[in-house]
N, C-alpha and C. Protein backbone atom coordinates (compact mmCIF):
# COMPACT_ATOMS: atom_id res chain seq x y z
N MET A 1 -35.99 29.39 193.80
CA MET A 1 -36.65 28.49 192.88
C MET A 1 -37.41 27.18 193.92
N THR A 2 -38.78 27.07 193.85
CA THR A 2 -38.93 26.14 194.28
C THR A 2 -39.32 24.61 193.62
N PHE A 3 -39.53 23.53 194.56
CA PHE A 3 -39.39 22.21 193.69
C PHE A 3 -40.78 21.85 193.72
N VAL A 4 -41.25 22.10 192.18
CA VAL A 4 -42.55 21.63 192.10
C VAL A 4 -42.75 20.16 191.33
N ALA A 5 -41.74 19.45 191.05
CA ALA A 5 -41.72 18.23 190.14
C ALA A 5 -42.36 17.30 190.84
N SER A 6 -41.92 17.46 192.20
CA SER A 6 -42.81 16.11 193.36
C SER A 6 -44.09 16.15 192.97
N THR A 7 -44.74 17.12 192.80
CA THR A 7 -46.54 17.37 193.04
C THR A 7 -46.94 17.49 191.72
N SER A 8 -46.11 17.53 190.42
CA SER A 8 -46.47 17.78 189.12
C SER A 8 -47.53 16.18 189.06
N LEU A 9 -48.53 16.06 188.18
CA LEU A 9 -49.12 14.82 187.72
C LEU A 9 -48.46 14.03 186.77
N ALA A 10 -47.47 15.20 186.54
CA ALA A 10 -46.86 13.94 185.38
C ALA A 10 -45.90 12.99 185.55
N MET A 11 -45.21 13.15 186.96
CA MET A 11 -44.63 12.80 187.82
C MET A 11 -45.00 11.22 188.80
N GLN A 12 -46.05 11.70 189.24
CA GLN A 12 -46.88 10.89 189.70
C GLN A 12 -47.80 9.60 189.38
N ARG A 13 -47.96 8.47 190.39
CA ARG A 13 -47.97 7.28 189.96
C ARG A 13 -49.46 6.95 190.88
N CYS A 14 -50.28 6.15 190.08
CA CYS A 14 -51.55 5.48 190.95
C CYS A 14 -51.06 4.87 192.48
N HIS A 15 -52.00 5.77 193.19
CA HIS A 15 -52.16 4.94 194.56
C HIS A 15 -52.17 3.04 194.96
N PHE A 16 -53.08 2.86 193.91
CA PHE A 16 -52.94 1.62 193.47
C PHE A 16 -52.41 0.80 192.53
N HIS A 17 -52.13 1.28 191.99
CA HIS A 17 -51.36 0.80 190.37
C HIS A 17 -49.77 1.42 190.30
N VAL A 18 -48.92 0.90 191.16
CA VAL A 18 -47.76 1.90 191.26
C VAL A 18 -47.00 1.74 189.85
N GLU A 19 -47.24 0.66 188.97
CA GLU A 19 -46.44 0.75 187.87
C GLU A 19 -47.20 1.47 186.69
N ARG A 20 -48.45 2.10 187.25
CA ARG A 20 -49.44 3.18 186.28
C ARG A 20 -48.76 4.60 186.76
N GLU A 21 -48.79 5.26 185.24
CA GLU A 21 -48.78 6.96 185.16
C GLU A 21 -50.17 7.26 185.90
N ALA A 22 -50.13 8.60 186.77
CA ALA A 22 -51.22 9.07 187.35
C ALA A 22 -52.25 10.26 186.11
N VAL A 23 -53.15 10.10 185.91
CA VAL A 23 -54.05 10.71 185.09
C VAL A 23 -54.67 12.09 185.62
N ALA A 24 -54.99 11.62 187.55
CA ALA A 24 -56.11 12.59 187.95
C ALA A 24 -55.79 12.54 189.28
N ARG A 25 -56.07 13.63 190.06
CA ARG A 25 -55.61 13.96 191.42
C ARG A 25 -57.44 13.95 192.33
N CYS A 26 -57.50 12.95 193.05
CA CYS A 26 -58.86 13.38 194.00
C CYS A 26 -58.89 14.35 194.22
N PRO A 27 -60.09 15.41 194.50
CA PRO A 27 -60.49 16.63 195.01
C PRO A 27 -60.65 16.05 196.66
N GLU A 28 -61.18 14.86 196.78
CA GLU A 28 -61.61 14.75 198.40
C GLU A 28 -60.55 14.37 199.36
N CYS A 29 -59.39 13.10 198.56
CA CYS A 29 -58.73 12.65 199.71
C CYS A 29 -57.07 13.53 198.99
N LYS A 30 -56.81 13.84 197.97
CA LYS A 30 -55.70 14.57 197.24
C LYS A 30 -54.91 13.38 196.97
N ARG A 31 -55.09 12.32 196.62
CA ARG A 31 -54.47 11.25 196.16
C ARG A 31 -54.23 11.32 194.61
N PHE A 32 -53.29 10.50 194.08
CA PHE A 32 -53.73 10.64 192.83
C PHE A 32 -53.73 9.29 192.42
N PHE A 33 -54.33 8.89 190.80
CA PHE A 33 -54.91 7.67 190.43
C PHE A 33 -54.92 7.54 188.97
N CYS A 34 -54.85 5.73 188.60
CA CYS A 34 -54.78 6.29 186.83
C CYS A 34 -56.12 6.00 186.56
N ARG A 35 -56.27 5.82 185.26
CA ARG A 35 -57.40 6.05 184.96
C ARG A 35 -58.83 4.93 184.95
N GLU A 36 -58.40 3.69 185.45
CA GLU A 36 -59.04 2.84 186.09
C GLU A 36 -59.46 3.07 187.76
N CYS A 37 -58.93 3.88 187.95
CA CYS A 37 -59.12 3.94 189.79
C CYS A 37 -60.27 5.31 190.03
N ILE A 38 -60.45 6.08 189.01
CA ILE A 38 -60.93 7.10 188.95
C ILE A 38 -62.07 7.25 188.34
N THR A 39 -63.13 8.27 188.64
CA THR A 39 -64.78 7.91 187.77
C THR A 39 -65.19 9.47 187.89
N GLU A 40 -66.07 9.80 187.03
CA GLU A 40 -66.76 10.98 187.18
C GLU A 40 -68.28 11.18 187.81
N HIS A 41 -68.13 12.00 188.61
CA HIS A 41 -69.24 12.35 189.63
C HIS A 41 -69.95 13.85 189.66
N GLU A 42 -70.84 13.79 189.22
CA GLU A 42 -71.05 15.35 189.41
C GLU A 42 -70.06 16.52 188.79
N ASP A 43 -69.76 16.13 187.37
CA ASP A 43 -68.48 16.85 186.51
C ASP A 43 -67.15 17.12 187.47
N ARG A 44 -66.89 15.91 188.30
CA ARG A 44 -65.61 15.99 188.55
C ARG A 44 -64.91 14.79 189.13
N LEU A 45 -63.67 14.44 188.97
CA LEU A 45 -63.04 13.29 188.82
C LEU A 45 -63.09 12.81 190.07
N ILE A 46 -63.22 11.58 190.60
CA ILE A 46 -63.18 11.31 192.13
C ILE A 46 -62.92 9.73 192.40
N CYS A 47 -62.19 9.76 193.34
CA CYS A 47 -61.99 7.84 193.30
C CYS A 47 -62.77 7.38 193.91
N ALA A 48 -62.91 5.82 194.04
CA ALA A 48 -64.29 5.07 194.53
C ALA A 48 -64.67 5.25 195.65
N SER A 49 -63.13 5.09 196.67
CA SER A 49 -63.17 5.16 197.98
C SER A 49 -63.80 6.29 198.43
N CYS A 50 -63.56 7.47 197.45
CA CYS A 50 -64.38 8.75 198.16
C CYS A 50 -65.59 8.93 197.87
N LEU A 51 -66.36 8.41 196.80
CA LEU A 51 -67.66 8.53 195.79
C LEU A 51 -68.19 7.64 196.97
N GLN A 52 -68.00 6.34 197.16
CA GLN A 52 -68.48 5.63 198.34
C GLN A 52 -69.25 6.54 199.56
N LYS A 53 -68.03 6.74 200.21
CA LYS A 53 -68.34 7.88 201.33
C LYS A 53 -69.48 8.90 200.96
N ILE A 54 -69.18 9.37 199.80
CA ILE A 54 -70.34 10.16 199.44
C ILE A 54 -71.81 9.85 199.42
N SER A 55 -71.73 8.67 198.55
CA SER A 55 -73.26 7.85 198.70
C SER A 55 -73.32 7.46 199.78
N VAL A 56 -72.63 7.26 200.81
CA VAL A 56 -73.50 6.59 202.61
C VAL A 56 -73.95 7.53 202.75
N LYS A 57 -72.92 9.22 202.50
CA LYS A 57 -73.75 10.09 203.56
C LYS A 57 -75.16 10.63 202.93
N THR A 58 -75.07 10.60 201.60
CA THR A 58 -76.49 10.97 200.93
C THR A 58 -77.18 9.80 201.06
N ARG A 59 -77.27 8.67 201.19
CA ARG A 59 -78.41 7.52 201.63
C ARG A 59 -78.58 7.47 202.83
N ALA A 60 -77.72 7.89 204.06
CA ALA A 60 -78.15 8.09 205.17
C ALA A 60 -79.34 9.52 205.39
N ARG A 61 -78.88 10.68 205.06
CA ARG A 61 -79.59 11.91 204.75
C ARG A 61 -80.93 11.68 204.11
N GLY A 62 -81.19 10.35 202.98
CA GLY A 62 -82.34 9.83 202.63
C GLY A 62 -82.93 9.37 203.96
N LEU A 63 -82.34 8.24 204.43
CA LEU A 63 -83.21 7.76 205.73
C LEU A 63 -83.60 8.53 206.66
N ARG A 64 -83.09 9.40 207.31
CA ARG A 64 -83.40 10.36 208.27
C ARG A 64 -84.50 10.61 208.06
N PHE A 65 -85.19 11.07 207.04
CA PHE A 65 -86.64 11.43 206.83
C PHE A 65 -87.74 10.61 205.92
N ALA A 66 -86.60 9.13 205.87
CA ALA A 66 -88.18 8.10 205.30
C ALA A 66 -89.43 8.10 206.06
N ALA A 67 -88.89 7.82 207.42
CA ALA A 67 -89.89 7.65 208.31
C ALA A 67 -90.79 8.54 208.53
N VAL A 68 -90.48 9.73 208.32
CA VAL A 68 -91.66 10.86 208.34
C VAL A 68 -92.46 10.66 207.14
N ARG A 69 -91.49 10.87 205.67
CA ARG A 69 -92.43 10.78 204.57
C ARG A 69 -93.60 9.62 204.58
N GLU A 70 -93.11 8.55 204.74
CA GLU A 70 -94.10 7.58 205.00
C GLU A 70 -95.23 7.79 205.59
N ALA A 71 -95.20 8.45 206.79
CA ALA A 71 -96.49 8.82 207.63
C ALA A 71 -97.05 9.46 207.04
N MET A 72 -96.35 10.75 206.36
CA MET A 72 -97.31 12.01 206.00
C MET A 72 -98.01 11.46 204.63
N LEU A 73 -97.19 10.69 203.57
CA LEU A 73 -98.31 9.57 202.73
C LEU A 73 -99.06 8.78 202.85
N CYS A 74 -99.01 8.19 204.15
CA CYS A 74 -100.02 7.49 204.63
C CYS A 74 -101.30 8.50 205.03
N PHE A 75 -101.06 9.51 205.80
CA PHE A 75 -101.71 10.59 206.03
C PHE A 75 -102.37 11.06 205.14
N VAL A 76 -102.09 11.07 203.64
CA VAL A 76 -102.45 12.23 202.61
C VAL A 76 -103.53 11.23 202.14
N GLY A 77 -102.93 9.73 202.39
CA GLY A 77 -103.67 8.56 201.55
C GLY A 77 -105.21 8.36 202.27
N ILE A 78 -105.05 8.57 203.57
CA ILE A 78 -106.64 8.26 204.39
C ILE A 78 -107.37 9.72 204.19
N VAL A 79 -106.65 10.72 204.15
CA VAL A 79 -107.65 12.10 203.41
C VAL A 79 -108.30 12.43 202.75
N MET A 80 -107.04 11.56 201.79
CA MET A 80 -107.82 11.65 200.11
C MET A 80 -108.90 10.26 200.01
N ALA A 81 -108.84 9.18 200.75
CA ALA A 81 -110.05 8.18 201.00
C ALA A 81 -111.15 8.30 201.22
N TRP A 82 -111.13 9.54 202.76
CA TRP A 82 -112.04 10.25 203.08
C TRP A 82 -113.03 11.03 202.73
N VAL A 83 -112.26 11.50 201.76
CA VAL A 83 -112.70 12.94 200.30
C VAL A 83 -113.64 12.16 199.90
N PHE A 84 -112.76 11.01 199.19
CA PHE A 84 -113.06 10.79 197.95
C PHE A 84 -114.97 10.12 198.78
N PHE A 85 -114.95 9.15 199.93
CA PHE A 85 -116.21 8.60 200.20
C PHE A 85 -116.98 9.92 200.79
N TYR A 86 -116.37 10.73 201.24
CA TYR A 86 -117.60 11.78 201.25
C TYR A 86 -118.57 12.35 200.38
N ALA A 87 -117.48 12.54 199.07
CA ALA A 87 -117.71 13.15 197.94
C ALA A 87 -118.79 12.05 197.26
N LEU A 88 -118.91 10.61 197.37
CA LEU A 88 -119.48 10.12 196.75
C LEU A 88 -120.69 9.76 197.71
N GLY A 89 -120.89 10.10 199.01
CA GLY A 89 -121.46 10.21 200.09
C GLY A 89 -122.96 11.25 199.71
N ARG A 90 -122.22 12.10 199.52
CA ARG A 90 -123.00 13.49 198.82
C ARG A 90 -123.80 13.56 197.57
N VAL A 91 -123.27 12.79 196.60
CA VAL A 91 -123.73 12.44 195.53
C VAL A 91 -125.04 11.65 195.51
N LEU A 92 -124.70 10.60 196.57
CA LEU A 92 -125.66 9.83 196.68
C LEU A 92 -127.27 10.51 197.54
N LEU A 93 -127.00 11.08 197.76
CA LEU A 93 -127.85 12.14 199.08
C LEU A 93 -128.37 12.89 197.96
N LEU A 94 -128.05 13.32 197.06
CA LEU A 94 -128.66 14.33 195.96
C LEU A 94 -129.35 13.47 195.29
N THR A 95 -129.17 12.27 194.96
CA THR A 95 -129.98 11.63 193.60
C THR A 95 -131.34 11.40 194.48
N PRO A 96 -132.41 11.68 193.55
CA PRO A 96 -133.95 11.25 193.65
C PRO A 96 -134.11 10.32 194.53
N THR A 97 -134.98 10.30 195.51
CA THR A 97 -135.68 8.92 196.07
C THR A 97 -135.96 7.91 195.43
N LYS A 98 -136.71 8.56 193.94
CA LYS A 98 -136.97 7.24 193.21
C LYS A 98 -135.69 6.53 192.38
N PHE A 99 -135.25 7.06 192.43
CA PHE A 99 -133.73 6.39 192.04
C PHE A 99 -133.21 5.27 192.71
N HIS A 100 -133.14 5.49 193.79
CA HIS A 100 -133.04 4.38 195.16
C HIS A 100 -133.85 3.34 195.19
N GLU A 101 -134.97 3.73 195.00
CA GLU A 101 -136.12 2.80 195.35
C GLU A 101 -136.56 1.99 193.97
N GLY A 102 -135.66 2.24 192.87
CA GLY A 102 -136.02 1.52 191.38
C GLY A 102 -136.98 2.11 190.36
N THR A 103 -137.79 3.07 191.24
CA THR A 103 -139.06 3.39 190.34
C THR A 103 -138.77 4.43 189.31
N VAL A 104 -137.86 4.85 189.11
CA VAL A 104 -137.46 5.98 188.24
C VAL A 104 -137.42 5.08 186.77
N TRP A 105 -137.03 3.85 186.71
CA TRP A 105 -137.29 3.14 185.55
C TRP A 105 -138.41 2.99 185.16
N GLU A 106 -139.56 3.08 186.11
CA GLU A 106 -140.45 2.53 185.26
C GLU A 106 -141.20 3.99 184.69
N ASP A 107 -140.96 5.21 185.14
CA ASP A 107 -141.18 6.42 184.44
C ASP A 107 -140.64 6.33 183.28
N VAL A 108 -139.15 5.78 182.74
CA VAL A 108 -138.82 6.11 181.97
C VAL A 108 -139.45 5.05 180.99
N GLY A 109 -140.05 4.03 181.14
CA GLY A 109 -140.30 2.98 180.51
C GLY A 109 -141.75 3.52 179.97
N ALA A 110 -142.90 4.10 180.89
CA ALA A 110 -144.08 4.71 180.74
C ALA A 110 -144.04 6.15 179.53
N THR A 111 -142.55 6.37 179.25
CA THR A 111 -142.67 7.75 178.70
C THR A 111 -142.14 7.01 177.44
N ASN A 112 -141.94 6.10 177.25
CA ASN A 112 -141.57 5.55 175.81
C ASN A 112 -142.87 5.18 174.98
N GLU A 113 -143.94 4.11 175.87
CA GLU A 113 -144.93 3.85 175.16
C GLU A 113 -145.76 4.74 174.51
């Protein structure tokens, strides 16, 4: 018969609050914690220090590609501005010369009389 009572959750105390009964065990650091010292993250209970470690890793991963992402967004913005002004120039080239000179309005006024 093995001695399992020492690892049973009912017999454990919180890692930070010795007077409190443990309600969960952190899957990352394998320590026991009370209700106040543990939180739910991505459908599992985890302690605050392990949650902080996970968030630092996630933040570092996001920062790694931030410069590349900003450069790509800048490039896409410049290309979109070029396409817009190119299309605007093409439209202006396709409009009749009378419109640019202002004589098109004289023809419109003459048809109404």
